[in-house]
Amino acid sequence: MDGDGIRAVMDVGTNSIKLLVAACSSGKQTVLADRTEITRLGEGAEETGELSRAAMERTAGAIDGMARNALALGAGEITAVGSHAMRAARNAGDFIRFVKSACGVNIRVISGEEEAETAFLAAAEAIPGYAGERTVLDVGGGSSELVCGSPERLTRCFSIPVGALSLYGKFFHEIPRGGPVGSGILDETRRFVRNAAENSGFSERSGAIPCVGVGGTVVTLASVFLGLGASGTGLTDGSILTVFEIERQIALFASMNTEERKKIRGMIPERADIALPGACAVIALMDFCGVKGLTVSGKGLRHGLMSKIAQARRGDPAGDRR
């Protein structure tokens, strides 16, 4: 089948919904829309094991708006995938049926391994001119993924049920006003992430392998580092986050409450409460991998999905790699 045409992909995540619409022609993609809306589908699910009715309704509303946007731009179909919140929730099937009935969008729940591999596909070229092995670190709302390999061959990957929103629910949500946060909670959070990584079976890596960071937490950290304005997060690609800088931000965030964090230049206001647990996850996983810095990429799961769809429809077997 011809790979040309207007395609739309949607990433239904634990913390946010992301839409990418692109015109695909002769193997090239022209982005027509790239939107993110924070709906917190997984809010409270860590404690209850289920998606709440309120979270499902606001997420379905966002999906409906994005689907209308995609169709208005000429997309003939929408490929939508669900990640950790939908993998873990007992009532994920109810949400899938609700969205299908209300919005006409069919969500396919993907495994943690497929999520990791697809994110790697998008971020693998974040280091210009580098053709060797690299590690891609993706900290999401409900899960985190680590993948090692080259654009031609993946060597190892894992997904753990640890993310910025799930860590917030486990360690931070009862802190008055969202802060300040004591060192005891920060240390406990980092140990929890490190233990999850160690129990995954993914062995520690040498810091000699370059690391690429993707996901909302990493982009937020880069935005704060660069002091970007509210609309500047797209300028974070290629920036370098060091362990020193992330530790600086952790100390800064921990000294403030949520409202104070919102005023930090570069902070995405909707992420002010989960930025600290997310940063704890990033630094713990960097320590696990033995890396001292990472290159930031704004390309993630949705971009990898778009590439796979375009490749598969042009008959490229790489587009069907799982």
C-alpha atoms as a PDB file:
ATOM      1  CA  MET A   1       0.000   0.000   0.000  1.00  0.00           C
ATOM      2  CA  ASP A   2       1.196   3.526  -0.738  1.00  0.00           C
ATOM      3  CA  GLY A   3       2.648   5.257   2.314  1.00  0.00           C
ATOM      4  CA  ASP A   4       1.708   8.746   1.108  1.00  0.00           C
ATOM      5  CA  GLY A   5      -1.181  10.710   2.614  1.00  0.00           C
ATOM      6  CA  ILE A   6      -2.121  12.451   5.834  1.00  0.00           C
ATOM      7  CA  ARG A   7      -1.739  10.283   8.933  1.00  0.00           C
ATOM      8  CA  ALA A   8      -2.655  10.864  12.568  1.00  0.00           C
ATOM      9  CA  VAL A   9      -1.366   9.108  15.679  1.00  0.00           C
ATOM     10  CA  MET A  10      -2.465   9.562  19.272  1.00  0.00           C
ATOM     11  CA  ASP A  11      -0.582   8.580  22.420  1.00  0.00           C
ATOM     12  CA  VAL A  12      -3.045   8.098  25.296  1.00  0.00           C
ATOM     13  CA  GLY A  13      -0.692   8.308  28.252  1.00  0.00           C
ATOM     14  CA  THR A  14      -1.043   8.177  32.016  1.00  0.00           C
ATOM     15  CA  ASN A  15      -0.537  11.934  32.411  1.00  0.00           C
ATOM     16  CA  SER A  16      -1.165  13.431  28.971  1.00  0.00           C
ATOM     17  CA  ILE A  17      -2.674  12.853  25.548  1.00  0.00           C
ATOM     18  CA  LYS A  18      -0.499  13.634  22.525  1.00  0.00           C
ATOM     19  CA  LEU A  19      -1.579  14.012  18.902  1.00  0.00           C
ATOM     20  CA  LEU A  20       0.676  14.072  15.852  1.00  0.00           C
ATOM     21  CA  VAL A  21      -0.707  14.706  12.357  1.00  0.00           C
ATOM     22  CA  ALA A  22       1.672  14.585   9.407  1.00  0.00           C
ATOM     23  CA  ALA A  23       1.587  14.562   5.628  1.00  0.00           C
ATOM     24  CA  CYS A  24       3.674  11.625   4.437  1.00  0.00           C
ATOM     25  CA  SER A  25       5.126  11.818   0.933  1.00  0.00           C
ATOM     26  CA  SER A  26       8.012   9.883  -0.635  1.00  0.00           C
ATOM     27  CA  GLY A  27       9.315   8.822   2.739  1.00  0.00           C
ATOM     28  CA  LYS A  28       9.270  12.344   4.193  1.00  0.00           C
ATOM     29  CA  GLN A  29       6.939  13.742   6.851  1.00  0.00           C
ATOM     30  CA  THR A  30       5.597  17.280   7.153  1.00  0.00           C
ATOM     31  CA  VAL A  31       4.085  17.924  10.594  1.00  0.00           C
ATOM     32  CA  LEU A  32       0.632  19.533  10.416  1.00  0.00           C
ATOM     33  CA  ALA A  33      -0.183  19.366  14.131  1.00  0.00           C
ATOM     34  CA  ASP A  34       1.653  18.289  17.275  1.00  0.00           C
ATOM     35  CA  ARG A  35      -0.448  18.811  20.396  1.00  0.00           C
ATOM     36  CA  THR A  36      -0.293  17.767  24.034  1.00  0.00           C
ATOM     37  CA  GLU A  37      -3.061  18.021  26.602  1.00  0.00           C
ATOM     38  CA  ILE A  38      -2.614  16.994  30.229  1.00  0.00           C
ATOM     39  CA  THR A  39      -5.667  15.024  31.402  1.00  0.00           C
ATOM     40  CA  ARG A  40      -4.180  12.714  34.078  1.00  0.00           C
ATOM     41  CA  LEU A  41      -5.998   9.586  33.029  1.00  0.00           C
ATOM     42  CA  GLY A  42      -4.056   7.607  35.650  1.00  0.00           C
ATOM     43  CA  GLU A  43      -4.763   9.965  38.550  1.00  0.00           C
ATOM     44  CA  GLY A  44      -5.586   7.895  41.639  1.00  0.00           C
ATOM     45  CA  ALA A  45      -5.294   4.605  39.768  1.00  0.00           C
ATOM     46  CA  GLU A  46      -2.148   3.639  41.689  1.00  0.00           C
ATOM     47  CA  GLU A  47      -4.264   3.403  44.859  1.00  0.00           C
ATOM     48  CA  THR A  48      -7.544   2.036  43.462  1.00  0.00           C
ATOM     49  CA  GLY A  49      -6.380  -0.103  40.552  1.00  0.00           C
ATOM     50  CA  GLU A  50      -9.003   1.553  38.331  1.00  0.00           C
ATOM     51  CA  LEU A  51      -9.384   4.626  36.133  1.00  0.00           C
ATOM     52  CA  SER A  52     -11.764   7.089  37.761  1.00  0.00           C
ATOM     53  CA  ARG A  53     -14.925   8.193  36.005  1.00  0.00           C
ATOM     54  CA  ALA A  54     -13.803  11.834  36.099  1.00  0.00           C
ATOM     55  CA  ALA A  55     -10.400  10.981  34.570  1.00  0.00           C
ATOM     56  CA  MET A  56     -12.021   8.893  31.833  1.00  0.00           C
ATOM     57  CA  GLU A  57     -14.497  11.645  30.960  1.00  0.00           C
ATOM     58  CA  ARG A  58     -11.946  14.461  30.741  1.00  0.00           C
ATOM     59  CA  THR A  59      -9.554  12.249  28.751  1.00  0.00           C
ATOM     60  CA  ALA A  60     -12.316  11.210  26.352  1.00  0.00           C
ATOM     61  CA  GLY A  61     -13.149  14.891  25.891  1.00  0.00           C
ATOM     62  CA  ALA A  62      -9.544  15.627  24.946  1.00  0.00           C
ATOM     63  CA  ILE A  63      -9.431  12.650  22.579  1.00  0.00           C
ATOM     64  CA  ASP A  64     -12.630  13.832  20.902  1.00  0.00           C
ATOM     65  CA  GLY A  65     -11.203  17.327  20.360  1.00  0.00           C
ATOM     66  CA  MET A  66      -7.950  15.958  18.982  1.00  0.00           C
ATOM     67  CA  ALA A  67      -9.769  13.522  16.696  1.00  0.00           C
ATOM     68  CA  ARG A  68     -11.821  16.380  15.257  1.00  0.00           C
ATOM     69  CA  ASN A  69      -8.610  18.350  14.726  1.00  0.00           C
ATOM     70  CA  ALA A  70      -6.996  15.415  12.906  1.00  0.00           C
ATOM     71  CA  LEU A  71     -10.001  14.831  10.652  1.00  0.00           C
ATOM     72  CA  ALA A  72     -10.243  18.543   9.837  1.00  0.00           C
ATOM     73  CA  LEU A  73      -6.614  18.407   8.682  1.00  0.00           C
ATOM     74  CA  GLY A  74      -7.464  15.566   6.300  1.00  0.00           C
ATOM     75  CA  ALA A  75      -6.404  12.469   8.229  1.00  0.00           C
ATOM     76  CA  GLY A  76      -8.253   9.461   6.891  1.00  0.00           C
ATOM     77  CA  GLU A  77      -7.741   7.427  10.043  1.00  0.00           C
ATOM     78  CA  ILE A  78      -6.317   7.788  13.537  1.00  0.00           C
ATOM     79  CA  THR A  79      -3.962   5.279  15.131  1.00  0.00           C
ATOM     80  CA  ALA A  80      -4.304   5.502  18.909  1.00  0.00           C
ATOM     81  CA  VAL A  81      -2.338   3.566  21.523  1.00  0.00           C
ATOM     82  CA  GLY A  82      -2.622   3.374  25.302  1.00  0.00           C
ATOM     83  CA  SER A  83       0.311   2.901  27.672  1.00  0.00           C
ATOM     84  CA  HIS A  84       0.849   2.183  31.369  1.00  0.00           C
ATOM     85  CA  ALA A  85      -2.413   3.461  32.896  1.00  0.00           C
ATOM     86  CA  MET A  86      -4.404   1.319  30.491  1.00  0.00           C
ATOM     87  CA  ARG A  87      -2.114  -1.680  30.909  1.00  0.00           C
ATOM     88  CA  ALA A  88      -2.577  -1.608  34.669  1.00  0.00           C
ATOM     89  CA  ALA A  89      -6.204  -0.548  35.225  1.00  0.00           C
ATOM     90  CA  ARG A  90      -8.830  -3.241  35.752  1.00  0.00           C
ATOM     91  CA  ASN A  91     -11.435  -1.173  33.930  1.00  0.00           C
ATOM     92  CA  ALA A  92      -9.315  -0.220  30.910  1.00  0.00           C
ATOM     93  CA  GLY A  93     -11.749  -2.132  28.685  1.00  0.00           C
ATOM     94  CA  ASP A  94     -14.590   0.089  29.879  1.00  0.00           C
ATOM     95  CA  PHE A  95     -12.582   3.169  28.930  1.00  0.00           C
ATOM     96  CA  ILE A  96     -11.741   1.764  25.482  1.00  0.00           C
ATOM     97  CA  ARG A  97     -15.420   1.085  24.806  1.00  0.00           C
ATOM     98  CA  PHE A  98     -16.419   4.518  26.139  1.00  0.00           C
ATOM     99  CA  VAL A  99     -13.941   6.305  23.850  1.00  0.00           C
ATOM    100  CA  LYS A 100     -14.959   4.212  20.837  1.00  0.00           C
ATOM    101  CA  SER A 101     -18.625   5.021  21.423  1.00  0.00           C
ATOM    102  CA  ALA A 102     -18.128   8.716  22.219  1.00  0.00           C
ATOM    103  CA  CYS A 103     -15.329   9.630  19.814  1.00  0.00           C
ATOM    104  CA  GLY A 104     -15.079   6.864  17.214  1.00  0.00           C
ATOM    105  CA  VAL A 105     -11.423   6.301  18.158  1.00  0.00           C
ATOM    106  CA  ASN A 106     -10.208   2.773  18.801  1.00  0.00           C
ATOM    107  CA  ILE A 107      -7.362   2.574  21.329  1.00  0.00           C
ATOM    108  CA  ARG A 108      -4.909  -0.334  21.204  1.00  0.00           C
ATOM    109  CA  VAL A 109      -3.087  -0.980  24.464  1.00  0.00           C
ATOM    110  CA  ILE A 110       0.593  -1.650  23.788  1.00  0.00           C
ATOM    111  CA  SER A 111       3.089  -3.544  25.919  1.00  0.00           C
ATOM    112  CA  GLY A 112       5.852  -1.797  27.804  1.00  0.00           C
ATOM    113  CA  GLU A 113       8.368  -3.391  25.453  1.00  0.00           C
ATOM    114  CA  GLU A 114       6.624  -2.049  22.339  1.00  0.00           C
ATOM    115  CA  GLU A 115       6.387   1.373  23.951  1.00  0.00           C
ATOM    116  CA  ALA A 116      10.122   1.316  24.678  1.00  0.00           C
ATOM    117  CA  GLU A 117      11.102   0.175  21.192  1.00  0.00           C
ATOM    118  CA  THR A 118       8.844   2.711  19.473  1.00  0.00           C
ATOM    119  CA  ALA A 119      10.137   5.611  21.571  1.00  0.00           C
ATOM    120  CA  PHE A 120      13.680   4.487  20.728  1.00  0.00           C
ATOM    121  CA  LEU A 121      12.866   4.574  17.018  1.00  0.00           C
ATOM    122  CA  ALA A 122      11.891   8.245  17.331  1.00  0.00           C
ATOM    123  CA  ALA A 123      14.761   9.370  19.556  1.00  0.00           C
ATOM    124  CA  ALA A 124      17.622   7.337  18.096  1.00  0.00           C
ATOM    125  CA  GLU A 125      18.761  10.154  15.795  1.00  0.00           C
ATOM    126  CA  ALA A 126      18.828  12.847  18.475  1.00  0.00           C
ATOM    127  CA  ILE A 127      22.641  12.887  18.446  1.00  0.00           C
ATOM    128  CA  PRO A 128      23.566  14.242  14.966  1.00  0.00           C
ATOM    129  CA  GLY A 129      26.209  12.288  13.135  1.00  0.00           C
ATOM    130  CA  TYR A 130      26.418   9.542  15.754  1.00  0.00           C
ATOM    131  CA  ALA A 131      25.957   6.033  14.382  1.00  0.00           C
ATOM    132  CA  GLY A 132      26.901   3.876  17.364  1.00  0.00           C
ATOM    133  CA  GLU A 133      24.998   2.356  20.245  1.00  0.00           C
ATOM    134  CA  ARG A 134      23.040   4.636  22.546  1.00  0.00           C
ATOM    135  CA  THR A 135      20.608   4.413  25.462  1.00  0.00           C
ATOM    136  CA  VAL A 136      17.187   6.074  25.299  1.00  0.00           C
ATOM    137  CA  LEU A 137      15.575   6.985  28.622  1.00  0.00           C
ATOM    138  CA  ASP A 138      11.849   7.788  28.598  1.00  0.00           C
ATOM    139  CA  VAL A 139      10.202   8.858  31.870  1.00  0.00           C
ATOM    140  CA  GLY A 140       6.444   9.054  31.399  1.00  0.00           C
ATOM    141  CA  GLY A 141       3.504   9.574  33.708  1.00  0.00           C
ATOM    142  CA  GLY A 142       3.009   5.962  34.755  1.00  0.00           C
ATOM    143  CA  SER A 143       6.004   4.064  33.429  1.00  0.00           C
ATOM    144  CA  SER A 144       9.620   4.526  32.425  1.00  0.00           C
ATOM    145  CA  GLU A 145      11.506   2.819  29.635  1.00  0.00           C
ATOM    146  CA  LEU A 146      15.179   2.192  28.948  1.00  0.00           C
ATOM    147  CA  VAL A 147      16.355   0.920  25.581  1.00  0.00           C
ATOM    148  CA  CYS A 148      19.885   0.212  24.349  1.00  0.00           C
ATOM    149  CA  GLY A 149      20.903  -0.283  20.762  1.00  0.00           C
ATOM    150  CA  SER A 150      21.552   1.387  17.427  1.00  0.00           C
ATOM    151  CA  PRO A 151      19.018   2.515  14.808  1.00  0.00           C
ATOM    152  CA  GLU A 152      19.628  -0.813  13.038  1.00  0.00           C
ATOM    153  CA  ARG A 153      19.428  -3.170  16.013  1.00  0.00           C
ATOM    154  CA  LEU A 154      18.044  -3.007  19.525  1.00  0.00           C
ATOM    155  CA  THR A 155      20.032  -4.953  22.092  1.00  0.00           C
ATOM    156  CA  ARG A 156      18.028  -4.596  25.318  1.00  0.00           C
ATOM    157  CA  CYS A 157      14.958  -2.815  26.633  1.00  0.00           C
ATOM    158  CA  PHE A 158      12.750  -2.713  29.683  1.00  0.00           C
ATOM    159  CA  SER A 159       9.699  -0.909  30.992  1.00  0.00           C
ATOM    160  CA  ILE A 160       8.999  -0.404  34.701  1.00  0.00           C
ATOM    161  CA  PRO A 161       5.699   0.817  36.247  1.00  0.00           C
ATOM    162  CA  VAL A 162       7.323   3.955  37.651  1.00  0.00           C
ATOM    163  CA  GLY A 163       6.606   7.450  36.339  1.00  0.00           C
ATOM    164  CA  ALA A 164       6.169  11.064  37.408  1.00  0.00           C
ATOM    165  CA  LEU A 165       2.440  10.786  38.151  1.00  0.00           C
ATOM    166  CA  SER A 166       2.581   7.363  39.808  1.00  0.00           C
ATOM    167  CA  LEU A 167       5.490   8.490  42.016  1.00  0.00           C
ATOM    168  CA  TYR A 168       3.564  11.623  42.950  1.00  0.00           C
ATOM    169  CA  GLY A 169       0.612   9.479  44.044  1.00  0.00           C
ATOM    170  CA  LYS A 170       2.835   7.140  46.046  1.00  0.00           C
ATOM    171  CA  PHE A 171       5.165   9.588  47.823  1.00  0.00           C
ATOM    172  CA  PHE A 172       4.130  13.232  47.374  1.00  0.00           C
ATOM    173  CA  HIS A 173       0.363  13.741  47.154  1.00  0.00           C
ATOM    174  CA  GLU A 174      -0.196  14.165  50.907  1.00  0.00           C
ATOM    175  CA  ILE A 175       2.488  16.839  51.372  1.00  0.00           C
ATOM    176  CA  PRO A 176       0.732  20.112  52.359  1.00  0.00           C
ATOM    177  CA  ARG A 177       0.651  22.610  49.468  1.00  0.00           C
ATOM    178  CA  GLY A 178       2.941  20.282  47.534  1.00  0.00           C
ATOM    179  CA  GLY A 179       6.065  21.303  49.438  1.00  0.00           C
ATOM    180  CA  PRO A 180       8.635  21.980  50.643  1.00  0.00           C
ATOM    181  CA  VAL A 181       9.753  18.363  50.469  1.00  0.00           C
ATOM    182  CA  GLY A 182      12.213  16.802  52.904  1.00  0.00           C
ATOM    183  CA  SER A 183      15.285  14.824  51.922  1.00  0.00           C
ATOM    184  CA  GLY A 184      13.799  11.636  53.397  1.00  0.00           C
ATOM    185  CA  ILE A 185      11.020  11.494  50.801  1.00  0.00           C
ATOM    186  CA  LEU A 186      13.426  12.340  47.983  1.00  0.00           C
ATOM    187  CA  ASP A 187      15.799   9.561  49.031  1.00  0.00           C
ATOM    188  CA  GLU A 188      12.944   7.077  49.389  1.00  0.00           C
ATOM    189  CA  THR A 189      11.630   7.942  45.930  1.00  0.00           C
ATOM    190  CA  ARG A 190      15.025   7.510  44.322  1.00  0.00           C
ATOM    191  CA  ARG A 191      15.592   4.171  46.067  1.00  0.00           C
ATOM    192  CA  PHE A 192      12.188   2.970  44.896  1.00  0.00           C
ATOM    193  CA  VAL A 193      13.022   3.790  41.261  1.00  0.00           C
ATOM    194  CA  ARG A 194      16.483   2.267  41.524  1.00  0.00           C
ATOM    195  CA  ASN A 195      15.077  -0.944  43.018  1.00  0.00           C
ATOM    196  CA  ALA A 196      12.489  -1.178  40.242  1.00  0.00           C
ATOM    197  CA  ALA A 197      15.248  -0.858  37.660  1.00  0.00           C
ATOM    198  CA  GLU A 198      17.431  -3.452  39.370  1.00  0.00           C
ATOM    199  CA  ASN A 199      14.516  -5.897  39.545  1.00  0.00           C
ATOM    200  CA  SER A 200      13.776  -5.473  35.836  1.00  0.00           C
ATOM    201  CA  GLY A 201      16.646  -7.691  34.748  1.00  0.00           C
ATOM    202  CA  PHE A 202      18.201  -4.876  32.719  1.00  0.00           C
ATOM    203  CA  SER A 203      21.878  -4.800  33.721  1.00  0.00           C
ATOM    204  CA  GLU A 204      23.657  -1.556  34.467  1.00  0.00           C
ATOM    205  CA  ARG A 205      25.471   0.084  31.563  1.00  0.00           C
ATOM    206  CA  SER A 206      28.746   1.874  31.137  1.00  0.00           C
ATOM    207  CA  GLY A 207      28.485   5.647  31.097  1.00  0.00           C
ATOM    208  CA  ALA A 208      30.544   5.607  27.882  1.00  0.00           C
ATOM    209  CA  ILE A 209      27.363   4.977  25.866  1.00  0.00           C
ATOM    210  CA  PRO A 210      25.552   8.238  24.969  1.00  0.00           C
ATOM    211  CA  CYS A 211      22.124   8.691  26.540  1.00  0.00           C
ATOM    212  CA  VAL A 212      19.068  10.390  24.996  1.00  0.00           C
ATOM    213  CA  GLY A 213      16.220  11.559  27.233  1.00  0.00           C
ATOM    214  CA  VAL A 214      12.616  11.876  26.056  1.00  0.00           C
ATOM    215  CA  GLY A 215       9.226  12.531  27.629  1.00  0.00           C
ATOM    216  CA  GLY A 216       7.474  15.382  29.394  1.00  0.00           C
ATOM    217  CA  THR A 217       9.651  15.287  32.507  1.00  0.00           C
ATOM    218  CA  VAL A 218      12.896  15.536  30.544  1.00  0.00           C
ATOM    219  CA  VAL A 219      11.538  18.338  28.334  1.00  0.00           C
ATOM    220  CA  THR A 220      10.395  20.225  31.461  1.00  0.00           C
ATOM    221  CA  LEU A 221      13.837  19.908  33.051  1.00  0.00           C
ATOM    222  CA  ALA A 222      15.451  21.169  29.842  1.00  0.00           C
ATOM    223  CA  SER A 223      12.980  24.061  29.608  1.00  0.00           C
ATOM    224  CA  VAL A 224      13.827  25.145  33.167  1.00  0.00           C
ATOM    225  CA  PHE A 225      17.555  24.753  32.471  1.00  0.00           C
ATOM    226  CA  LEU A 226      17.292  26.979  29.387  1.00  0.00           C
ATOM    227  CA  GLY A 227      14.871  29.416  31.044  1.00  0.00           C
ATOM    228  CA  LEU A 228      12.421  29.171  28.172  1.00  0.00           C
ATOM    229  CA  GLY A 229       9.120  30.998  28.032  1.00  0.00           C
ATOM    230  CA  ALA A 230       5.709  29.319  28.021  1.00  0.00           C
ATOM    231  CA  SER A 231       5.834  28.524  24.286  1.00  0.00           C
ATOM    232  CA  GLY A 232       9.506  27.589  24.099  1.00  0.00           C
ATOM    233  CA  THR A 233       9.527  23.883  24.953  1.00  0.00           C
ATOM    234  CA  GLY A 234      10.054  23.035  21.284  1.00  0.00           C
ATOM    235  CA  LEU A 235      13.506  24.619  21.574  1.00  0.00           C
ATOM    236  CA  THR A 236      14.850  22.012  23.998  1.00  0.00           C
ATOM    237  CA  ASP A 237      15.917  19.483  21.342  1.00  0.00           C
ATOM    238  CA  GLY A 238      19.642  18.808  21.414  1.00  0.00           C
ATOM    239  CA  SER A 239      20.231  20.477  24.767  1.00  0.00           C
ATOM    240  CA  ILE A 240      22.345  18.646  27.351  1.00  0.00           C
ATOM    241  CA  LEU A 241      21.166  17.921  30.894  1.00  0.00           C
ATOM    242  CA  THR A 242      23.911  16.987  33.334  1.00  0.00           C
ATOM    243  CA  VAL A 243      23.554  15.209  36.656  1.00  0.00           C
ATOM    244  CA  PHE A 244      24.698  18.439  38.334  1.00  0.00           C
ATOM    245  CA  GLU A 245      21.902  20.439  36.676  1.00  0.00           C
ATOM    246  CA  ILE A 246      19.184  17.915  37.504  1.00  0.00           C
ATOM    247  CA  GLU A 247      20.362  17.725  41.116  1.00  0.00           C
ATOM    248  CA  ARG A 248      20.235  21.544  41.216  1.00  0.00           C
ATOM    249  CA  GLN A 249      16.645  21.500  40.005  1.00  0.00           C
ATOM    250  CA  ILE A 250      15.649  18.783  42.469  1.00  0.00           C
ATOM    251  CA  ALA A 251      16.983  20.925  45.327  1.00  0.00           C
ATOM    252  CA  LEU A 252      15.208  23.994  43.926  1.00  0.00           C
ATOM    253  CA  PHE A 253      11.852  22.231  43.435  1.00  0.00           C
ATOM    254  CA  ALA A 254      12.064  20.588  46.878  1.00  0.00           C
ATOM    255  CA  SER A 255      12.541  23.982  48.559  1.00  0.00           C
ATOM    256  CA  MET A 256       9.233  25.282  47.143  1.00  0.00           C
ATOM    257  CA  ASN A 257       5.542  24.465  47.166  1.00  0.00           C
ATOM    258  CA  THR A 258       3.583  23.777  43.985  1.00  0.00           C
ATOM    259  CA  GLU A 259       2.431  27.363  43.463  1.00  0.00           C
ATOM    260  CA  GLU A 260       5.990  28.652  43.811  1.00  0.00           C
ATOM    261  CA  ARG A 261       7.261  26.092  41.295  1.00  0.00           C
ATOM    262  CA  LYS A 262       4.742  27.332  38.744  1.00  0.00           C
ATOM    263  CA  LYS A 263       6.564  30.678  38.730  1.00  0.00           C
ATOM    264  CA  ILE A 264       9.939  29.184  37.787  1.00  0.00           C
ATOM    265  CA  ARG A 265      10.858  30.335  34.298  1.00  0.00           C
ATOM    266  CA  GLY A 266      10.613  27.363  31.974  1.00  0.00           C
ATOM    267  CA  MET A 267       8.288  25.359  34.224  1.00  0.00           C
ATOM    268  CA  ILE A 268       5.208  23.967  32.489  1.00  0.00           C
ATOM    269  CA  PRO A 269       2.561  25.031  35.059  1.00  0.00           C
ATOM    270  CA  GLU A 270       0.477  21.873  34.661  1.00  0.00           C
ATOM    271  CA  ARG A 271       3.532  19.807  35.569  1.00  0.00           C
ATOM    272  CA  ALA A 272       4.602  21.815  38.640  1.00  0.00           C
ATOM    273  CA  ASP A 273       3.352  19.184  41.105  1.00  0.00           C
ATOM    274  CA  ILE A 274       4.871  16.164  39.337  1.00  0.00           C
ATOM    275  CA  ALA A 275       8.117  17.791  38.167  1.00  0.00           C
ATOM    276  CA  LEU A 276       9.926  16.831  41.376  1.00  0.00           C
ATOM    277  CA  PRO A 277       9.006  13.117  41.425  1.00  0.00           C
ATOM    278  CA  GLY A 278       9.728  13.007  37.697  1.00  0.00           C
ATOM    279  CA  ALA A 279      13.169  14.522  38.238  1.00  0.00           C
ATOM    280  CA  CYS A 280      13.845  11.948  40.972  1.00  0.00           C
ATOM    281  CA  ALA A 281      13.045   9.186  38.478  1.00  0.00           C
ATOM    282  CA  VAL A 282      15.361  10.669  35.837  1.00  0.00           C
ATOM    283  CA  ILE A 283      18.313  11.045  38.198  1.00  0.00           C
ATOM    284  CA  ALA A 284      17.833   7.555  39.679  1.00  0.00           C
ATOM    285  CA  LEU A 285      17.777   5.949  36.228  1.00  0.00           C
ATOM    286  CA  MET A 286      20.793   7.969  35.069  1.00  0.00           C
ATOM    287  CA  ASP A 287      22.643   6.731  38.155  1.00  0.00           C
ATOM    288  CA  PHE A 288      21.519   3.170  37.390  1.00  0.00           C
ATOM    289  CA  CYS A 289      22.926   3.495  33.856  1.00  0.00           C
ATOM    290  CA  GLY A 290      26.103   5.205  35.021  1.00  0.00           C
ATOM    291  CA  VAL A 291      25.610   8.257  32.780  1.00  0.00           C
ATOM    292  CA  LYS A 292      26.553  11.817  33.743  1.00  0.00           C
ATOM    293  CA  GLY A 293      24.419  13.601  31.162  1.00  0.00           C
ATOM    294  CA  LEU A 294      21.788  13.126  28.487  1.00  0.00           C
ATOM    295  CA  THR A 295      20.816  14.723  25.190  1.00  0.00           C
ATOM    296  CA  VAL A 296      17.216  15.952  25.135  1.00  0.00           C
ATOM    297  CA  SER A 297      14.822  14.933  22.363  1.00  0.00           C
ATOM    298  CA  GLY A 298      11.252  16.162  22.033  1.00  0.00           C
ATOM    299  CA  LYS A 299      10.426  13.190  19.824  1.00  0.00           C
ATOM    300  CA  GLY A 300       8.767  10.278  21.541  1.00  0.00           C
ATOM    301  CA  LEU A 301       6.231   7.508  21.155  1.00  0.00           C
ATOM    302  CA  ARG A 302       3.936   9.368  18.741  1.00  0.00           C
ATOM    303  CA  HIS A 303       6.803  10.151  16.366  1.00  0.00           C
ATOM    304  CA  GLY A 304       7.974   6.551  16.418  1.00  0.00           C
ATOM    305  CA  LEU A 305       4.446   5.373  15.666  1.00  0.00           C
ATOM    306  CA  MET A 306       4.213   7.746  12.726  1.00  0.00           C
ATOM    307  CA  SER A 307       7.506   6.458  11.319  1.00  0.00           C
ATOM    308  CA  LYS A 308       6.398   2.833  11.690  1.00  0.00           C
ATOM    309  CA  ILE A 309       3.093   3.518   9.942  1.00  0.00           C
ATOM    310  CA  ALA A 310       4.774   5.327   7.056  1.00  0.00           C
ATOM    311  CA  GLN A 311       7.405   2.596   6.653  1.00  0.00           C
ATOM    312  CA  ALA A 312       4.909  -0.257   6.855  1.00  0.00           C
ATOM    313  CA  ARG A 313       2.666   1.274   4.212  1.00  0.00           C
ATOM    314  CA  ARG A 314       5.588   1.721   1.883  1.00  0.00           C
ATOM    315  CA  GLY A 315       6.482  -1.951   2.299  1.00  0.00           C
ATOM    316  CA  ASP A 316       9.527  -1.385   4.507  1.00  0.00           C
ATOM    317  CA  PRO A 317       9.778  -4.319   6.940  1.00  0.00           C
ATOM    318  CA  ALA A 318      11.420  -2.024   9.509  1.00  0.00           C
ATOM    319  CA  GLY A 319       8.026  -0.414   9.957  1.00  0.00           C
ATOM    320  CA  ASP A 320       6.690  -3.603  11.471  1.00  0.00           C
ATOM    321  CA  ARG A 321       9.516  -4.146  13.958  1.00  0.00           C
ATOM    322  CA  ARG A 322       8.289  -4.966  17.461  1.00  0.00           C
END
